[in-house]
Amino acid sequence: MEPLTKYTRSMVSIGNIPASVREAFRRAEEERPGAVHLELPEDVAHEDGDGAPIPKSLSRLPIAEEKAVERAVEAIREAKYPLLMIGASGNRKTTTKMLREFVDQIGIPFFTTQMGKCVIDESHPMWLGNATLSDGDFVHCAIDHVDCIINIGHDVIEKPPFFMRRGDAGEKTVIHVNFLGAQVDPVYFPQIEVVGDIANAVWQMKELLEKSEQNWDLSRFKMIKEHFDAQLAKG
């Protein structure tokens, strides 16, 4: 089961069970959440023991470094065509809440990957669509126009190649906001990384952007949104 799980163990004695179960739950819940596997051999299952469950410990994710957040906010503030992308790791309870506040209060349009769908309700007026394997659709027209993408929760298994493509706005500044640093490859090499608890990072950026002046031109995104909504209405 090792290739399929984050953690796998065989219980060789009944005394190992409490610690192995506690560790399995910890591994399953930590970023990125995933499957774990414990094997309980029949002979061990017949043993008697007096082990007690090990309670869950208090654990908090580290927050993003202040200067990294400030550099990201500076890039967003200086951009003319900013766009927010929500990926797989944005799909966490507190992160969803913070992202909704960010979009509502800051007013940056957003799109999602397939694994980031519905982190924010798709009826939201700032939603531009879902980026799938297609190209040249309304979402990709918006992406081609941006000069700054705020990339929330990108996962390496999602579709990122369009990020570095030169578009109407010239070269793009890509801001990577995630629990983990970016996994760089030929098509994904962000210029700014904000690494730490995503919800907290989004909150920090929101607080700083609320107090600043922006020079954004969102007219192209609004036009794309109008065309997109018209196509949806036609079915």
C-alpha atoms as a PDB file:
ATOM      1  CA  MET A   1       0.000   0.000   0.000  1.00  0.00           C
ATOM      2  CA  GLU A   2       2.990   2.345   0.263  1.00  0.00           C
ATOM      3  CA  PRO A   3       2.709   3.760  -3.294  1.00  0.00           C
ATOM      4  CA  LEU A   4      -0.969   4.570  -2.669  1.00  0.00           C
ATOM      5  CA  THR A   5      -0.890   6.134   0.793  1.00  0.00           C
ATOM      6  CA  LYS A   6       0.862   8.784   2.872  1.00  0.00           C
ATOM      7  CA  TYR A   7       1.582   6.306   5.666  1.00  0.00           C
ATOM      8  CA  THR A   8       1.330   2.531   6.032  1.00  0.00           C
ATOM      9  CA  ARG A   9       2.255   0.250   8.931  1.00  0.00           C
ATOM     10  CA  SER A  10       1.740  -3.366   9.938  1.00  0.00           C
ATOM     11  CA  MET A  11       0.901  -3.912  13.602  1.00  0.00           C
ATOM     12  CA  VAL A  12       3.589  -6.336  14.827  1.00  0.00           C
ATOM     13  CA  SER A  13       2.347  -6.258  18.416  1.00  0.00           C
ATOM     14  CA  ILE A  14      -0.701  -4.979  20.261  1.00  0.00           C
ATOM     15  CA  GLY A  15       1.450  -2.487  22.171  1.00  0.00           C
ATOM     16  CA  ASN A  16       2.193  -0.581  18.950  1.00  0.00           C
ATOM     17  CA  ILE A  17      -1.440   0.014  18.075  1.00  0.00           C
ATOM     18  CA  PRO A  18      -2.174   3.268  20.029  1.00  0.00           C
ATOM     19  CA  ALA A  19       0.902   5.078  18.690  1.00  0.00           C
ATOM     20  CA  SER A  20       0.397   3.826  15.130  1.00  0.00           C
ATOM     21  CA  VAL A  21      -3.272   4.837  15.092  1.00  0.00           C
ATOM     22  CA  ARG A  22      -2.452   8.291  16.444  1.00  0.00           C
ATOM     23  CA  GLU A  23       0.308   8.755  13.851  1.00  0.00           C
ATOM     24  CA  ALA A  24      -1.971   7.538  11.058  1.00  0.00           C
ATOM     25  CA  PHE A  25      -4.588  10.159  11.912  1.00  0.00           C
ATOM     26  CA  ARG A  26      -1.929  12.876  12.138  1.00  0.00           C
ATOM     27  CA  ARG A  27      -0.502  12.011   8.727  1.00  0.00           C
ATOM     28  CA  ALA A  28      -3.954  11.756   7.161  1.00  0.00           C
ATOM     29  CA  GLU A  29      -4.998  15.209   8.361  1.00  0.00           C
ATOM     30  CA  GLU A  30      -1.799  17.195   7.787  1.00  0.00           C
ATOM     31  CA  GLU A  31      -1.151  18.968   4.489  1.00  0.00           C
ATOM     32  CA  ARG A  32      -1.771  17.610   2.001  1.00  0.00           C
ATOM     33  CA  PRO A  33      -4.553  15.429   3.487  1.00  0.00           C
ATOM     34  CA  GLY A  34      -4.640  11.887   2.136  1.00  0.00           C
ATOM     35  CA  ALA A  35      -5.196   8.203   2.701  1.00  0.00           C
ATOM     36  CA  VAL A  36      -3.257   6.128   5.237  1.00  0.00           C
ATOM     37  CA  HIS A  37      -3.194   2.366   5.818  1.00  0.00           C
ATOM     38  CA  LEU A  38      -2.832   0.192   8.904  1.00  0.00           C
ATOM     39  CA  GLU A  39      -2.579  -3.573   8.624  1.00  0.00           C
ATOM     40  CA  LEU A  40      -3.821  -5.618  11.591  1.00  0.00           C
ATOM     41  CA  PRO A  41      -2.576  -9.219  11.284  1.00  0.00           C
ATOM     42  CA  GLU A  42      -4.932 -11.888  12.587  1.00  0.00           C
ATOM     43  CA  ASP A  43      -2.547 -13.109  15.288  1.00  0.00           C
ATOM     44  CA  VAL A  44      -2.109  -9.585  16.697  1.00  0.00           C
ATOM     45  CA  ALA A  45      -5.860  -9.031  16.607  1.00  0.00           C
ATOM     46  CA  HIS A  46      -6.265 -11.992  18.988  1.00  0.00           C
ATOM     47  CA  GLU A  47      -3.872 -10.534  21.573  1.00  0.00           C
ATOM     48  CA  ASP A  48      -5.063  -8.858  24.767  1.00  0.00           C
ATOM     49  CA  GLY A  49      -3.717  -5.479  25.786  1.00  0.00           C
ATOM     50  CA  ASP A  50      -4.412  -2.498  28.017  1.00  0.00           C
ATOM     51  CA  GLY A  51      -3.202   0.297  25.726  1.00  0.00           C
ATOM     52  CA  ALA A  52      -5.291   3.489  25.682  1.00  0.00           C
ATOM     53  CA  PRO A  53      -5.855   5.821  22.716  1.00  0.00           C
ATOM     54  CA  ILE A  54      -3.366   8.684  22.496  1.00  0.00           C
ATOM     55  CA  PRO A  55      -5.245  12.021  22.453  1.00  0.00           C
ATOM     56  CA  LYS A  56      -4.785  14.526  19.659  1.00  0.00           C
ATOM     57  CA  SER A  57      -2.214  17.238  20.332  1.00  0.00           C
ATOM     58  CA  LEU A  58      -2.645  20.957  19.717  1.00  0.00           C
ATOM     59  CA  SER A  59      -1.026  21.852  16.412  1.00  0.00           C
ATOM     60  CA  ARG A  60      -1.054  25.047  14.350  1.00  0.00           C
ATOM     61  CA  LEU A  61       0.440  25.595  10.917  1.00  0.00           C
ATOM     62  CA  PRO A  62       3.229  28.180  10.719  1.00  0.00           C
ATOM     63  CA  ILE A  63       2.161  31.510   9.227  1.00  0.00           C
ATOM     64  CA  ALA A  64       3.720  33.129   6.187  1.00  0.00           C
ATOM     65  CA  GLU A  65       6.686  35.430   6.697  1.00  0.00           C
ATOM     66  CA  GLU A  66       5.665  39.091   6.886  1.00  0.00           C
ATOM     67  CA  LYS A  67       8.092  40.349   4.217  1.00  0.00           C
ATOM     68  CA  ALA A  68       6.891  37.711   1.746  1.00  0.00           C
ATOM     69  CA  VAL A  69       3.302  38.850   2.269  1.00  0.00           C
ATOM     70  CA  GLU A  70       4.291  42.493   1.825  1.00  0.00           C
ATOM     71  CA  ARG A  71       6.156  41.704  -1.412  1.00  0.00           C
ATOM     72  CA  ALA A  72       3.101  39.874  -2.756  1.00  0.00           C
ATOM     73  CA  VAL A  73       0.818  42.764  -1.821  1.00  0.00           C
ATOM     74  CA  GLU A  74       3.181  45.225  -3.495  1.00  0.00           C
ATOM     75  CA  ALA A  75       3.048  43.200  -6.731  1.00  0.00           C
ATOM     76  CA  ILE A  76      -0.761  43.012  -6.599  1.00  0.00           C
ATOM     77  CA  ARG A  77      -1.022  46.729  -5.889  1.00  0.00           C
ATOM     78  CA  GLU A  78       1.277  47.613  -8.799  1.00  0.00           C
ATOM     79  CA  ALA A  79      -0.477  45.287 -11.257  1.00  0.00           C
ATOM     80  CA  LYS A  80      -2.964  46.625 -13.777  1.00  0.00           C
ATOM     81  CA  TYR A  81      -4.761  43.365 -14.580  1.00  0.00           C
ATOM     82  CA  PRO A  82      -4.689  41.131 -11.458  1.00  0.00           C
ATOM     83  CA  LEU A  83      -6.513  37.809 -11.349  1.00  0.00           C
ATOM     84  CA  LEU A  84      -7.020  35.285  -8.547  1.00  0.00           C
ATOM     85  CA  MET A  85      -6.726  31.542  -9.134  1.00  0.00           C
ATOM     86  CA  ILE A  86      -8.113  29.074  -6.577  1.00  0.00           C
ATOM     87  CA  GLY A  87      -6.676  25.554  -6.621  1.00  0.00           C
ATOM     88  CA  ALA A  88      -6.948  22.333  -4.660  1.00  0.00           C
ATOM     89  CA  SER A  89      -5.428  23.476  -1.369  1.00  0.00           C
ATOM     90  CA  GLY A  90      -7.802  26.424  -1.229  1.00  0.00           C
ATOM     91  CA  ASN A  91     -10.506  23.903  -0.384  1.00  0.00           C
ATOM     92  CA  ARG A  92     -10.207  24.142   3.401  1.00  0.00           C
ATOM     93  CA  LYS A  93     -12.867  25.474   5.759  1.00  0.00           C
ATOM     94  CA  THR A  94     -11.029  28.530   7.103  1.00  0.00           C
ATOM     95  CA  THR A  95      -9.360  29.223   3.758  1.00  0.00           C
ATOM     96  CA  THR A  96     -12.735  29.253   2.001  1.00  0.00           C
ATOM     97  CA  LYS A  97     -14.016  31.830   4.483  1.00  0.00           C
ATOM     98  CA  MET A  98     -10.961  34.055   4.049  1.00  0.00           C
ATOM     99  CA  LEU A  99     -11.042  33.776   0.257  1.00  0.00           C
ATOM    100  CA  ARG A 100     -14.691  34.824   0.183  1.00  0.00           C
ATOM    101  CA  GLU A 101     -13.863  37.874   2.311  1.00  0.00           C
ATOM    102  CA  PHE A 102     -10.860  38.655   0.098  1.00  0.00           C
ATOM    103  CA  VAL A 103     -12.909  38.580  -3.107  1.00  0.00           C
ATOM    104  CA  ASP A 104     -15.843  40.492  -1.599  1.00  0.00           C
ATOM    105  CA  GLN A 105     -13.748  43.243  -0.034  1.00  0.00           C
ATOM    106  CA  ILE A 106     -10.837  43.587  -2.460  1.00  0.00           C
ATOM    107  CA  GLY A 107     -12.783  42.986  -5.675  1.00  0.00           C
ATOM    108  CA  ILE A 108     -10.302  40.941  -7.713  1.00  0.00           C
ATOM    109  CA  PRO A 109     -11.928  38.578 -10.260  1.00  0.00           C
ATOM    110  CA  PHE A 110     -11.189  34.884  -9.804  1.00  0.00           C
ATOM    111  CA  PHE A 111     -11.270  31.563 -11.608  1.00  0.00           C
ATOM    112  CA  THR A 112     -10.781  28.025 -10.340  1.00  0.00           C
ATOM    113  CA  THR A 113      -9.050  24.839 -11.334  1.00  0.00           C
ATOM    114  CA  GLN A 114     -11.096  21.654 -11.448  1.00  0.00           C
ATOM    115  CA  MET A 115      -9.935  20.778  -7.920  1.00  0.00           C
ATOM    116  CA  GLY A 116     -10.748  24.276  -6.673  1.00  0.00           C
ATOM    117  CA  LYS A 117     -14.334  24.317  -7.930  1.00  0.00           C
ATOM    118  CA  CYS A 118     -16.952  25.741  -5.556  1.00  0.00           C
ATOM    119  CA  VAL A 119     -14.462  26.939  -2.934  1.00  0.00           C
ATOM    120  CA  ILE A 120     -16.334  30.168  -3.614  1.00  0.00           C
ATOM    121  CA  ASP A 121     -19.848  29.800  -4.967  1.00  0.00           C
ATOM    122  CA  GLU A 122     -19.858  29.995  -8.760  1.00  0.00           C
ATOM    123  CA  SER A 123     -22.813  32.367  -8.670  1.00  0.00           C
ATOM    124  CA  HIS A 124     -20.445  35.024  -7.329  1.00  0.00           C
ATOM    125  CA  PRO A 125     -20.328  38.035  -9.688  1.00  0.00           C
ATOM    126  CA  MET A 126     -16.499  37.973  -9.765  1.00  0.00           C
ATOM    127  CA  TRP A 127     -16.261  34.327 -10.899  1.00  0.00           C
ATOM    128  CA  LEU A 128     -14.863  33.977 -14.435  1.00  0.00           C
ATOM    129  CA  GLY A 129     -15.109  30.207 -14.829  1.00  0.00           C
ATOM    130  CA  ASN A 130     -13.195  26.985 -14.431  1.00  0.00           C
ATOM    131  CA  ALA A 131      -9.874  26.309 -16.192  1.00  0.00           C
ATOM    132  CA  THR A 132      -9.909  22.786 -17.612  1.00  0.00           C
ATOM    133  CA  LEU A 133      -7.920  21.080 -20.365  1.00  0.00           C
ATOM    134  CA  SER A 134      -9.456  23.252 -23.050  1.00  0.00           C
ATOM    135  CA  ASP A 135      -7.797  26.341 -24.470  1.00  0.00           C
ATOM    136  CA  GLY A 136      -9.026  29.537 -26.048  1.00  0.00           C
ATOM    137  CA  ASP A 137     -12.247  29.660 -24.005  1.00  0.00           C
ATOM    138  CA  PHE A 138     -13.505  32.594 -21.909  1.00  0.00           C
ATOM    139  CA  VAL A 139     -11.371  31.689 -18.886  1.00  0.00           C
ATOM    140  CA  HIS A 140      -8.179  31.439 -20.914  1.00  0.00           C
ATOM    141  CA  CYS A 141      -8.944  34.738 -22.648  1.00  0.00           C
ATOM    142  CA  ALA A 142      -8.982  36.299 -19.185  1.00  0.00           C
ATOM    143  CA  ILE A 143      -5.766  34.515 -18.180  1.00  0.00           C
ATOM    144  CA  ASP A 144      -3.983  35.661 -21.333  1.00  0.00           C
ATOM    145  CA  HIS A 145      -4.806  39.263 -20.436  1.00  0.00           C
ATOM    146  CA  VAL A 146      -3.445  39.329 -16.872  1.00  0.00           C
ATOM    147  CA  ASP A 147      -0.138  40.721 -15.667  1.00  0.00           C
ATOM    148  CA  CYS A 148      -0.395  39.239 -12.154  1.00  0.00           C
ATOM    149  CA  ILE A 149      -1.891  35.919 -11.030  1.00  0.00           C
ATOM    150  CA  ILE A 150      -2.413  35.328  -7.314  1.00  0.00           C
ATOM    151  CA  ASN A 151      -2.248  31.557  -7.209  1.00  0.00           C
ATOM    152  CA  ILE A 152      -3.973  30.175  -4.110  1.00  0.00           C
ATOM    153  CA  GLY A 153      -3.387  26.502  -3.334  1.00  0.00           C
ATOM    154  CA  HIS A 154      -1.860  25.247  -6.575  1.00  0.00           C
ATOM    155  CA  ASP A 155      -1.293  21.485  -6.668  1.00  0.00           C
ATOM    156  CA  VAL A 156       1.264  19.921  -9.020  1.00  0.00           C
ATOM    157  CA  ILE A 157      -1.357  17.583 -10.468  1.00  0.00           C
ATOM    158  CA  GLU A 158      -3.478  20.499 -11.664  1.00  0.00           C
ATOM    159  CA  LYS A 159      -3.177  22.287 -14.991  1.00  0.00           C
ATOM    160  CA  PRO A 160      -0.742  25.217 -14.756  1.00  0.00           C
ATOM    161  CA  PRO A 161       1.024  25.575 -18.171  1.00  0.00           C
ATOM    162  CA  PHE A 162      -0.786  28.745 -19.198  1.00  0.00           C
ATOM    163  CA  PHE A 163       0.664  30.706 -16.266  1.00  0.00           C
ATOM    164  CA  MET A 164       3.931  31.598 -17.924  1.00  0.00           C
ATOM    165  CA  ARG A 165       2.640  32.151 -21.422  1.00  0.00           C
ATOM    166  CA  ARG A 166       3.041  35.652 -22.766  1.00  0.00           C
ATOM    167  CA  GLY A 167      -0.318  37.359 -23.240  1.00  0.00           C
ATOM    168  CA  ASP A 168      -1.871  40.728 -24.020  1.00  0.00           C
ATOM    169  CA  ALA A 169      -0.500  42.184 -20.794  1.00  0.00           C
ATOM    170  CA  GLY A 170       3.057  40.935 -21.364  1.00  0.00           C
ATOM    171  CA  GLU A 171       4.965  38.769 -18.916  1.00  0.00           C
ATOM    172  CA  LYS A 172       2.971  37.655 -15.897  1.00  0.00           C
ATOM    173  CA  THR A 173       3.954  37.909 -12.262  1.00  0.00           C
ATOM    174  CA  VAL A 174       2.910  34.672 -10.553  1.00  0.00           C
ATOM    175  CA  ILE A 175       2.403  34.721  -6.781  1.00  0.00           C
ATOM    176  CA  HIS A 176       2.404  31.279  -5.162  1.00  0.00           C
ATOM    177  CA  VAL A 177       0.367  31.125  -1.927  1.00  0.00           C
ATOM    178  CA  ASN A 178       0.345  27.683  -0.346  1.00  0.00           C
ATOM    179  CA  PHE A 179       1.172  25.538   2.674  1.00  0.00           C
ATOM    180  CA  LEU A 180       4.278  24.326   0.819  1.00  0.00           C
ATOM    181  CA  GLY A 181       6.809  25.958  -1.445  1.00  0.00           C
ATOM    182  CA  ALA A 182       6.364  25.762  -5.207  1.00  0.00           C
ATOM    183  CA  GLN A 183       7.456  22.661  -7.051  1.00  0.00           C
ATOM    184  CA  VAL A 184       9.252  24.343  -9.939  1.00  0.00           C
ATOM    185  CA  ASP A 185       9.160  22.853 -13.431  1.00  0.00           C
ATOM    186  CA  PRO A 186       9.505  24.241 -16.985  1.00  0.00           C
ATOM    187  CA  VAL A 187       5.980  25.703 -16.952  1.00  0.00           C
ATOM    188  CA  TYR A 188       5.593  26.753 -13.323  1.00  0.00           C
ATOM    189  CA  PHE A 189       8.184  28.972 -11.682  1.00  0.00           C
ATOM    190  CA  PRO A 190       6.521  31.706  -9.610  1.00  0.00           C
ATOM    191  CA  GLN A 191       8.404  34.907  -8.907  1.00  0.00           C
ATOM    192  CA  ILE A 192       6.966  35.344  -5.393  1.00  0.00           C
ATOM    193  CA  GLU A 193       6.202  32.621  -2.854  1.00  0.00           C
ATOM    194  CA  VAL A 194       4.087  33.119   0.264  1.00  0.00           C
ATOM    195  CA  VAL A 195       4.498  29.887   2.210  1.00  0.00           C
ATOM    196  CA  GLY A 196       2.490  29.083   5.334  1.00  0.00           C
ATOM    197  CA  ASP A 197      -1.088  28.755   6.482  1.00  0.00           C
ATOM    198  CA  ILE A 198      -3.133  29.819   3.445  1.00  0.00           C
ATOM    199  CA  ALA A 199      -6.068  31.288   5.359  1.00  0.00           C
ATOM    200  CA  ASN A 200      -3.762  33.480   7.415  1.00  0.00           C
ATOM    201  CA  ALA A 201      -1.795  34.570   4.336  1.00  0.00           C
ATOM    202  CA  VAL A 202      -4.996  35.549   2.521  1.00  0.00           C
ATOM    203  CA  TRP A 203      -6.148  37.465   5.605  1.00  0.00           C
ATOM    204  CA  GLN A 204      -2.820  39.319   5.833  1.00  0.00           C
ATOM    205  CA  MET A 205      -2.983  40.286   2.155  1.00  0.00           C
ATOM    206  CA  LYS A 206      -6.594  41.421   2.519  1.00  0.00           C
ATOM    207  CA  GLU A 207      -5.773  43.650   5.474  1.00  0.00           C
ATOM    208  CA  LEU A 208      -2.919  45.341   3.627  1.00  0.00           C
ATOM    209  CA  LEU A 209      -4.787  45.750   0.340  1.00  0.00           C
ATOM    210  CA  GLU A 210      -7.829  47.278   2.040  1.00  0.00           C
ATOM    211  CA  LYS A 211      -5.644  50.146   3.232  1.00  0.00           C
ATOM    212  CA  SER A 212      -4.022  50.891  -0.126  1.00  0.00           C
ATOM    213  CA  GLU A 213      -4.917  52.522  -3.409  1.00  0.00           C
ATOM    214  CA  GLN A 214      -5.187  50.304  -6.491  1.00  0.00           C
ATOM    215  CA  ASN A 215      -4.794  51.216 -10.139  1.00  0.00           C
ATOM    216  CA  TRP A 216      -6.500  48.173 -11.589  1.00  0.00           C
ATOM    217  CA  ASP A 217      -8.274  48.021 -14.928  1.00  0.00           C
ATOM    218  CA  LEU A 218     -10.888  45.267 -14.678  1.00  0.00           C
ATOM    219  CA  SER A 219     -12.918  46.289 -17.737  1.00  0.00           C
ATOM    220  CA  ARG A 220     -11.627  43.400 -19.888  1.00  0.00           C
ATOM    221  CA  PHE A 221     -12.575  40.877 -17.198  1.00  0.00           C
ATOM    222  CA  LYS A 222     -16.050  42.410 -16.912  1.00  0.00           C
ATOM    223  CA  MET A 223     -16.529  42.100 -20.665  1.00  0.00           C
ATOM    224  CA  ILE A 224     -15.412  38.442 -20.597  1.00  0.00           C
ATOM    225  CA  LYS A 225     -17.746  37.790 -17.669  1.00  0.00           C
ATOM    226  CA  GLU A 226     -20.689  39.297 -19.567  1.00  0.00           C
ATOM    227  CA  HIS A 227     -20.005  37.086 -22.608  1.00  0.00           C
ATOM    228  CA  PHE A 228     -19.560  34.045 -20.362  1.00  0.00           C
ATOM    229  CA  ASP A 229     -22.836  34.671 -18.533  1.00  0.00           C
ATOM    230  CA  ALA A 230     -24.629  35.174 -21.846  1.00  0.00           C
ATOM    231  CA  GLN A 231     -23.397  31.797 -23.107  1.00  0.00           C
ATOM    232  CA  LEU A 232     -24.480  30.112 -19.855  1.00  0.00           C
ATOM    233  CA  ALA A 233     -27.944  31.649 -20.203  1.00  0.00           C
ATOM    234  CA  LYS A 234     -28.248  30.141 -23.683  1.00  0.00           C
ATOM    235  CA  GLY A 235     -27.511  26.694 -22.197  1.00  0.00           C
END
